[in-house]
Amino acid sequence: MILEKKVHVCRKCQSEDIVKNGTNGSGSPHYHCKTCGAYGVLEPRQDYTEEEKEIIINAYQKRSSMRGIERTFGVCR
């Protein structure tokens, strides 16, 4: 059996000296870097590209329902 260990680092100073510091409203874990004092989310959510935004807005303007758009594109309101 192969085990892989994932090491989180601070996004600002690249230090491994971080501790968990609770969660935000959506449940994403926050961290506190003891080296530089930064606070943040360990794995930030990726933003949508401009092309994806345009496609979704066009679908909405063509009278698709919000729920239908959520199911089709896998996005939330």
PDB file of N, CA and C in Angstrom:
ATOM      1  N   MET A   1       0.848  -1.178   0.000  1.00  0.00           N
ATOM      2  CA  MET A   1       0.000   0.000   0.000  1.00  0.00           C
ATOM      3  C   MET A   1       0.893   1.240   0.000  1.00  0.00           C
ATOM      4  N   ILE A   2       0.559   2.199  -0.881  1.00  0.00           N
ATOM      5  CA  ILE A   2       1.325   3.435  -0.990  1.00  0.00           C
ATOM      6  C   ILE A   2       0.523   4.560  -0.355  1.00  0.00           C
ATOM      7  N   LEU A   3       1.167   5.263   0.560  1.00  0.00           N
ATOM      8  CA  LEU A   3       0.538   6.409   1.211  1.00  0.00           C
ATOM      9  C   LEU A   3       1.240   7.676   0.771  1.00  0.00           C
ATOM     10  N   GLU A   4       0.458   8.683   0.396  1.00  0.00           N
ATOM     11  CA  GLU A   4       1.016   9.969   0.022  1.00  0.00           C
ATOM     12  C   GLU A   4       0.612  10.998   1.055  1.00  0.00           C
ATOM     13  N   LYS A   5       1.569  11.765   1.501  1.00  0.00           N
ATOM     14  CA  LYS A   5       1.310  12.795   2.494  1.00  0.00           C
ATOM     15  C   LYS A   5       1.268  14.151   1.797  1.00  0.00           C
ATOM     16  N   LYS A   6       0.183  14.892   1.993  1.00  0.00           N
ATOM     17  CA  LYS A   6       0.033  16.211   1.382  1.00  0.00           C
ATOM     18  C   LYS A   6       0.473  17.263   2.387  1.00  0.00           C
ATOM     19  N   VAL A   7       1.440  18.083   1.990  1.00  0.00           N
ATOM     20  CA  VAL A   7       1.972  19.122   2.862  1.00  0.00           C
ATOM     21  C   VAL A   7       1.449  20.466   2.374  1.00  0.00           C
ATOM     22  N   HIS A   8       0.757  21.177   3.240  1.00  0.00           N
ATOM     23  CA  HIS A   8       0.242  22.504   2.898  1.00  0.00           C
ATOM     24  C   HIS A   8       1.301  23.540   3.230  1.00  0.00           C
ATOM     25  N   VAL A   9       1.392  24.567   2.384  1.00  0.00           N
ATOM     26  CA  VAL A   9       2.325  25.664   2.617  1.00  0.00           C
ATOM     27  C   VAL A   9       1.569  26.980   2.543  1.00  0.00           C
ATOM     28  N   CYS A  10       2.132  27.997   3.168  1.00  0.00           N
ATOM     29  CA  CYS A  10       1.547  29.341   3.129  1.00  0.00           C
ATOM     30  C   CYS A  10       1.650  29.878   1.716  1.00  0.00           C
ATOM     31  N   ARG A  11       0.577  30.495   1.216  1.00  0.00           N
ATOM     32  CA  ARG A  11       0.577  31.020  -0.140  1.00  0.00           C
ATOM     33  C   ARG A  11       1.385  32.308  -0.255  1.00  0.00           C
ATOM     34  N   LYS A  12       1.674  32.968   0.867  1.00  0.00           N
ATOM     35  CA  LYS A  12       2.414  34.236   0.811  1.00  0.00           C
ATOM     36  C   LYS A  12       3.915  34.049   0.979  1.00  0.00           C
ATOM     37  N   CYS A  13       4.334  33.229   1.959  1.00  0.00           N
ATOM     38  CA  CYS A  13       5.771  33.088   2.224  1.00  0.00           C
ATOM     39  C   CYS A  13       6.294  31.677   1.947  1.00  0.00           C
ATOM     40  N   GLN A  14       5.439  30.753   1.534  1.00  0.00           N
ATOM     41  CA  GLN A  14       5.805  29.365   1.214  1.00  0.00           C
ATOM     42  C   GLN A  14       6.345  28.592   2.413  1.00  0.00           C
ATOM     43  N   SER A  15       6.018  29.026   3.618  1.00  0.00           N
ATOM     44  CA  SER A  15       6.449  28.339   4.831  1.00  0.00           C
ATOM     45  C   SER A  15       5.517  27.172   5.132  1.00  0.00           C
ATOM     46  N   GLU A  16       6.063  26.126   5.737  1.00  0.00           N
ATOM     47  CA  GLU A  16       5.249  24.979   6.146  1.00  0.00           C
ATOM     48  C   GLU A  16       4.794  25.104   7.595  1.00  0.00           C
ATOM     49  N   ASP A  17       5.130  26.204   8.249  1.00  0.00           N
ATOM     50  CA  ASP A  17       4.798  26.417   9.656  1.00  0.00           C
ATOM     51  C   ASP A  17       3.416  27.057   9.772  1.00  0.00           C
ATOM     52  N   ILE A  18       2.362  26.276   9.451  1.00  0.00           N
ATOM     53  CA  ILE A  18       0.995  26.782   9.502  1.00  0.00           C
ATOM     54  C   ILE A  18       0.157  25.902  10.417  1.00  0.00           C
ATOM     55  N   VAL A  19      -0.894  26.493  10.971  1.00  0.00           N
ATOM     56  CA  VAL A  19      -1.821  25.760  11.831  1.00  0.00           C
ATOM     57  C   VAL A  19      -3.237  26.020  11.363  1.00  0.00           C
ATOM     58  N   LYS A  20      -4.106  25.060  11.575  1.00  0.00           N
ATOM     59  CA  LYS A  20      -5.502  25.229  11.197  1.00  0.00           C
ATOM     60  C   LYS A  20      -6.146  26.258  12.122  1.00  0.00           C
ATOM     61  N   ASN A  21      -6.999  27.096  11.539  1.00  0.00           N
ATOM     62  CA  ASN A  21      -7.606  28.180  12.302  1.00  0.00           C
ATOM     63  C   ASN A  21      -9.102  28.261  12.014  1.00  0.00           C
ATOM     64  N   GLY A  22      -9.810  27.136  12.135  1.00  0.00           N
ATOM     65  CA  GLY A  22     -11.247  27.142  11.944  1.00  0.00           C
ATOM     66  C   GLY A  22     -11.652  27.010  10.494  1.00  0.00           C
ATOM     67  N   THR A  23     -12.925  27.327  10.217  1.00  0.00           N
ATOM     68  CA  THR A  23     -13.466  27.234   8.871  1.00  0.00           C
ATOM     69  C   THR A  23     -14.278  28.483   8.563  1.00  0.00           C
ATOM     70  N   ASN A  24     -14.539  28.706   7.277  1.00  0.00           N
ATOM     71  CA  ASN A  24     -15.399  29.824   6.899  1.00  0.00           C
ATOM     72  C   ASN A  24     -16.837  29.333   6.777  1.00  0.00           C
ATOM     73  N   GLY A  25     -17.721  30.188   6.299  1.00  0.00           N
ATOM     74  CA  GLY A  25     -19.141  29.848   6.235  1.00  0.00           C
ATOM     75  C   GLY A  25     -19.459  28.674   5.334  1.00  0.00           C
ATOM     76  N   SER A  26     -18.658  28.463   4.302  1.00  0.00           N
ATOM     77  CA  SER A  26     -18.927  27.351   3.389  1.00  0.00           C
ATOM     78  C   SER A  26     -18.216  26.075   3.805  1.00  0.00           C
ATOM     79  N   GLY A  27     -17.462  26.111   4.904  1.00  0.00           N
ATOM     80  CA  GLY A  27     -16.814  24.910   5.413  1.00  0.00           C
ATOM     81  C   GLY A  27     -15.375  24.721   4.979  1.00  0.00           C
ATOM     82  N   SER A  28     -14.815  25.670   4.227  1.00  0.00           N
ATOM     83  CA  SER A  28     -13.428  25.562   3.798  1.00  0.00           C
ATOM     84  C   SER A  28     -12.502  25.855   4.977  1.00  0.00           C
ATOM     85  N   PRO A  29     -11.481  25.024   5.203  1.00  0.00           N
ATOM     86  CA  PRO A  29     -10.589  25.257   6.347  1.00  0.00           C
ATOM     87  C   PRO A  29      -9.693  26.474   6.161  1.00  0.00           C
ATOM     88  N   HIS A  30      -9.522  27.244   7.217  1.00  0.00           N
ATOM     89  CA  HIS A  30      -8.634  28.399   7.218  1.00  0.00           C
ATOM     90  C   HIS A  30      -7.335  28.012   7.892  1.00  0.00           C
ATOM     91  N   TYR A  31      -6.261  28.776   7.601  1.00  0.00           N
ATOM     92  CA  TYR A  31      -4.994  28.544   8.259  1.00  0.00           C
ATOM     93  C   TYR A  31      -4.422  29.856   8.767  1.00  0.00           C
ATOM     94  N   HIS A  32      -3.469  29.730   9.678  1.00  0.00           N
ATOM     95  CA  HIS A  32      -2.720  30.879  10.177  1.00  0.00           C
ATOM     96  C   HIS A  32      -1.253  30.521  10.065  1.00  0.00           C
ATOM     97  N   CYS A  33      -0.489  31.345   9.352  1.00  0.00           N
ATOM     98  CA  CYS A  33       0.943  31.115   9.180  1.00  0.00           C
ATOM     99  C   CYS A  33       1.666  31.735  10.363  1.00  0.00           C
ATOM    100  N   LYS A  34       2.465  30.933  11.067  1.00  0.00           N
ATOM    101  CA  LYS A  34       3.201  31.445  12.220  1.00  0.00           C
ATOM    102  C   LYS A  34       4.436  32.230  11.803  1.00  0.00           C
ATOM    103  N   THR A  35       4.869  32.055  10.563  1.00  0.00           N
ATOM    104  CA  THR A  35       6.059  32.757  10.091  1.00  0.00           C
ATOM    105  C   THR A  35       5.745  34.201   9.695  1.00  0.00           C
ATOM    106  N   CYS A  36       4.765  34.384   8.802  1.00  0.00           N
ATOM    107  CA  CYS A  36       4.474  35.742   8.315  1.00  0.00           C
ATOM    108  C   CYS A  36       3.195  36.325   8.907  1.00  0.00           C
ATOM    109  N   GLY A  37       2.398  35.507   9.613  1.00  0.00           N
ATOM    110  CA  GLY A  37       1.189  36.008  10.246  1.00  0.00           C
ATOM    111  C   GLY A  37      -0.019  36.079   9.334  1.00  0.00           C
ATOM    112  N   ALA A  38       0.063  35.478   8.156  1.00  0.00           N
ATOM    113  CA  ALA A  38      -1.035  35.543   7.191  1.00  0.00           C
ATOM    114  C   ALA A  38      -2.153  34.584   7.582  1.00  0.00           C
ATOM    115  N   TYR A  39      -3.381  34.969   7.258  1.00  0.00           N
ATOM    116  CA  TYR A  39      -4.548  34.120   7.419  1.00  0.00           C
ATOM    117  C   TYR A  39      -5.109  33.854   6.037  1.00  0.00           C
ATOM    118  N   GLY A  40      -5.706  32.681   5.829  1.00  0.00           N
ATOM    119  CA  GLY A  40      -6.308  32.421   4.534  1.00  0.00           C
ATOM    120  C   GLY A  40      -6.911  31.047   4.445  1.00  0.00           C
ATOM    121  N   VAL A  41      -7.379  30.714   3.253  1.00  0.00           N
ATOM    122  CA  VAL A  41      -7.974  29.418   2.964  1.00  0.00           C
ATOM    123  C   VAL A  41      -6.888  28.521   2.392  1.00  0.00           C
ATOM    124  N   LEU A  42      -6.861  27.252   2.809  1.00  0.00           N
ATOM    125  CA  LEU A  42      -5.824  26.339   2.336  1.00  0.00           C
ATOM    126  C   LEU A  42      -5.915  26.085   0.843  1.00  0.00           C
ATOM    127  N   GLU A  43      -7.103  25.783   0.350  1.00  0.00           N
ATOM    128  CA  GLU A  43      -7.290  25.501  -1.067  1.00  0.00           C
ATOM    129  C   GLU A  43      -8.408  26.401  -1.595  1.00  0.00           C
ATOM    130  N   PRO A  44      -8.061  27.580  -2.138  1.00  0.00           N
ATOM    131  CA  PRO A  44      -9.095  28.509  -2.594  1.00  0.00           C
ATOM    132  C   PRO A  44      -9.857  27.956  -3.788  1.00  0.00           C
ATOM    133  N   ARG A  45     -11.116  28.348  -3.870  1.00  0.00           N
ATOM    134  CA  ARG A  45     -11.961  27.924  -4.984  1.00  0.00           C
ATOM    135  C   ARG A  45     -11.527  28.640  -6.253  1.00  0.00           C
ATOM    136  N   GLN A  46     -11.560  27.943  -7.364  1.00  0.00           N
ATOM    137  CA  GLN A  46     -11.166  28.532  -8.635  1.00  0.00           C
ATOM    138  C   GLN A  46     -12.294  29.394  -9.192  1.00  0.00           C
ATOM    139  N   ASP A  47     -11.955  30.558  -9.700  1.00  0.00           N
ATOM    140  CA  ASP A  47     -12.945  31.433 -10.315  1.00  0.00           C
ATOM    141  C   ASP A  47     -13.283  30.933 -11.714  1.00  0.00           C
ATOM    142  N   TYR A  48     -14.417  31.356 -12.207  1.00  0.00           N
ATOM    143  CA  TYR A  48     -14.832  30.997 -13.555  1.00  0.00           C
ATOM    144  C   TYR A  48     -14.122  31.903 -14.560  1.00  0.00           C
ATOM    145  N   THR A  49     -13.798  31.371 -15.734  1.00  0.00           N
ATOM    146  CA  THR A  49     -13.184  32.179 -16.780  1.00  0.00           C
ATOM    147  C   THR A  49     -14.239  33.093 -17.392  1.00  0.00           C
ATOM    148  N   GLU A  50     -13.782  34.096 -18.113  1.00  0.00           N
ATOM    149  CA  GLU A  50     -14.704  35.037 -18.756  1.00  0.00           C
ATOM    150  C   GLU A  50     -15.588  34.328 -19.779  1.00  0.00           C
ATOM    151  N   GLU A  51     -15.044  33.337 -20.475  1.00  0.00           N
ATOM    152  CA  GLU A  51     -15.832  32.585 -21.455  1.00  0.00           C
ATOM    153  C   GLU A  51     -16.964  31.825 -20.776  1.00  0.00           C
ATOM    154  N   GLU A  52     -16.653  31.184 -19.651  1.00  0.00           N
ATOM    155  CA  GLU A  52     -17.686  30.451 -18.920  1.00  0.00           C
ATOM    156  C   GLU A  52     -18.771  31.396 -18.416  1.00  0.00           C
ATOM    157  N   LYS A  53     -18.372  32.564 -17.932  1.00  0.00           N
ATOM    158  CA  LYS A  53     -19.343  33.543 -17.454  1.00  0.00           C
ATOM    159  C   LYS A  53     -20.270  33.994 -18.570  1.00  0.00           C
ATOM    160  N   GLU A  54     -19.705  34.255 -19.747  1.00  0.00           N
ATOM    161  CA  GLU A  54     -20.517  34.688 -20.879  1.00  0.00           C
ATOM    162  C   GLU A  54     -21.524  33.625 -21.291  1.00  0.00           C
ATOM    163  N   ILE A  55     -21.096  32.359 -21.321  1.00  0.00           N
ATOM    164  CA  ILE A  55     -21.993  31.260 -21.705  1.00  0.00           C
ATOM    165  C   ILE A  55     -23.150  31.152 -20.719  1.00  0.00           C
ATOM    166  N   ILE A  56     -22.849  31.246 -19.438  1.00  0.00           N
ATOM    167  CA  ILE A  56     -23.884  31.120 -18.405  1.00  0.00           C
ATOM    168  C   ILE A  56     -24.845  32.309 -18.464  1.00  0.00           C
ATOM    169  N   ILE A  57     -24.324  33.518 -18.640  1.00  0.00           N
ATOM    170  CA  ILE A  57     -25.185  34.708 -18.719  1.00  0.00           C
ATOM    171  C   ILE A  57     -26.068  34.644 -19.957  1.00  0.00           C
ATOM    172  N   ASN A  58     -25.517  34.194 -21.084  1.00  0.00           N
ATOM    173  CA  ASN A  58     -26.329  34.053 -22.301  1.00  0.00           C
ATOM    174  C   ASN A  58     -27.453  33.048 -22.095  1.00  0.00           C
ATOM    175  N   ALA A  59     -27.173  31.945 -21.414  1.00  0.00           N
ATOM    176  CA  ALA A  59     -28.213  30.953 -21.142  1.00  0.00           C
ATOM    177  C   ALA A  59     -29.297  31.553 -20.258  1.00  0.00           C
ATOM    178  N   TYR A  60     -28.909  32.382 -19.290  1.00  0.00           N
ATOM    179  CA  TYR A  60     -29.880  33.026 -18.412  1.00  0.00           C
ATOM    180  C   TYR A  60     -30.732  34.027 -19.182  1.00  0.00           C
ATOM    181  N   GLN A  61     -30.109  34.763 -20.089  1.00  0.00           N
ATOM    182  CA  GLN A  61     -30.846  35.750 -20.868  1.00  0.00           C
ATOM    183  C   GLN A  61     -31.792  35.103 -21.872  1.00  0.00           C
ATOM    184  N   LYS A  62     -31.564  33.855 -22.197  1.00  0.00           N
ATOM    185  CA  LYS A  62     -32.458  33.139 -23.110  1.00  0.00           C
ATOM    186  C   LYS A  62     -33.573  32.434 -22.343  1.00  0.00           C
ATOM    187  N   ARG A  63     -33.870  32.941 -21.147  1.00  0.00           N
ATOM    188  CA  ARG A  63     -35.017  32.532 -20.344  1.00  0.00           C
ATOM    189  C   ARG A  63     -34.887  31.145 -19.738  1.00  0.00           C
ATOM    190  N   SER A  64     -33.654  30.640 -19.543  1.00  0.00           N
ATOM    191  CA  SER A  64     -33.488  29.389 -18.809  1.00  0.00           C
ATOM    192  C   SER A  64     -33.719  29.682 -17.331  1.00  0.00           C
ATOM    193  N   SER A  65     -34.209  28.697 -16.610  1.00  0.00           N
ATOM    194  CA  SER A  65     -34.436  28.901 -15.181  1.00  0.00           C
ATOM    195  C   SER A  65     -33.111  28.851 -14.429  1.00  0.00           C
ATOM    196  N   MET A  66     -33.079  29.485 -13.268  1.00  0.00           N
ATOM    197  CA  MET A  66     -31.867  29.473 -12.448  1.00  0.00           C
ATOM    198  C   MET A  66     -31.513  28.044 -12.052  1.00  0.00           C
ATOM    199  N   ARG A  67     -32.506  27.260 -11.699  1.00  0.00           N
ATOM    200  CA  ARG A  67     -32.257  25.877 -11.299  1.00  0.00           C
ATOM    201  C   ARG A  67     -31.730  25.062 -12.477  1.00  0.00           C
ATOM    202  N   GLY A  68     -32.268  25.322 -13.665  1.00  0.00           N
ATOM    203  CA  GLY A  68     -31.797  24.632 -14.858  1.00  0.00           C
ATOM    204  C   GLY A  68     -30.346  24.964 -15.183  1.00  0.00           C
ATOM    205  N   ILE A  69     -29.985  26.230 -15.006  1.00  0.00           N
ATOM    206  CA  ILE A  69     -28.601  26.642 -15.237  1.00  0.00           C
ATOM    207  C   ILE A  69     -27.679  25.985 -14.226  1.00  0.00           C
ATOM    208  N   GLU A  70     -28.111  25.916 -12.965  1.00  0.00           N
ATOM    209  CA  GLU A  70     -27.295  25.253 -11.949  1.00  0.00           C
ATOM    210  C   GLU A  70     -27.019  23.794 -12.319  1.00  0.00           C
ATOM    211  N   ARG A  71     -28.049  23.105 -12.750  1.00  0.00           N
ATOM    212  CA  ARG A  71     -27.879  21.686 -13.102  1.00  0.00           C
ATOM    213  C   ARG A  71     -27.054  21.508 -14.361  1.00  0.00           C
ATOM    214  N   THR A  72     -27.257  22.374 -15.363  1.00  0.00           N
ATOM    215  CA  THR A  72     -26.571  22.234 -16.636  1.00  0.00           C
ATOM    216  C   THR A  72     -25.078  22.520 -16.529  1.00  0.00           C
ATOM    217  N   PHE A  73     -24.735  23.618 -15.857  1.00  0.00           N
ATOM    218  CA  PHE A  73     -23.333  24.062 -15.816  1.00  0.00           C
ATOM    219  C   PHE A  73     -22.614  23.689 -14.536  1.00  0.00           C
ATOM    220  N   GLY A  74     -23.311  23.150 -13.550  1.00  0.00           N
ATOM    221  CA  GLY A  74     -22.658  22.769 -12.292  1.00  0.00           C
ATOM    222  C   GLY A  74     -22.199  23.959 -11.474  1.00  0.00           C
ATOM    223  N   VAL A  75     -22.949  25.057 -11.518  1.00  0.00           N
ATOM    224  CA  VAL A  75     -22.631  26.249 -10.759  1.00  0.00           C
ATOM    225  C   VAL A  75     -23.713  26.475  -9.711  1.00  0.00           C
ATOM    226  N   CYS A  76     -23.423  27.352  -8.758  1.00  0.00           N
ATOM    227  CA  CYS A  76     -24.455  27.711  -7.787  1.00  0.00           C
ATOM    228  C   CYS A  76     -24.803  29.169  -7.969  1.00  0.00           C
ATOM    229  N   ARG A  77     -25.926  29.557  -7.441  1.00  0.00           N
ATOM    230  CA  ARG A  77     -26.389  30.938  -7.628  1.00  0.00           C
ATOM    231  C   ARG A  77     -25.430  31.903  -7.019  1.00  0.00           C
TER     232      ARG A  77
END
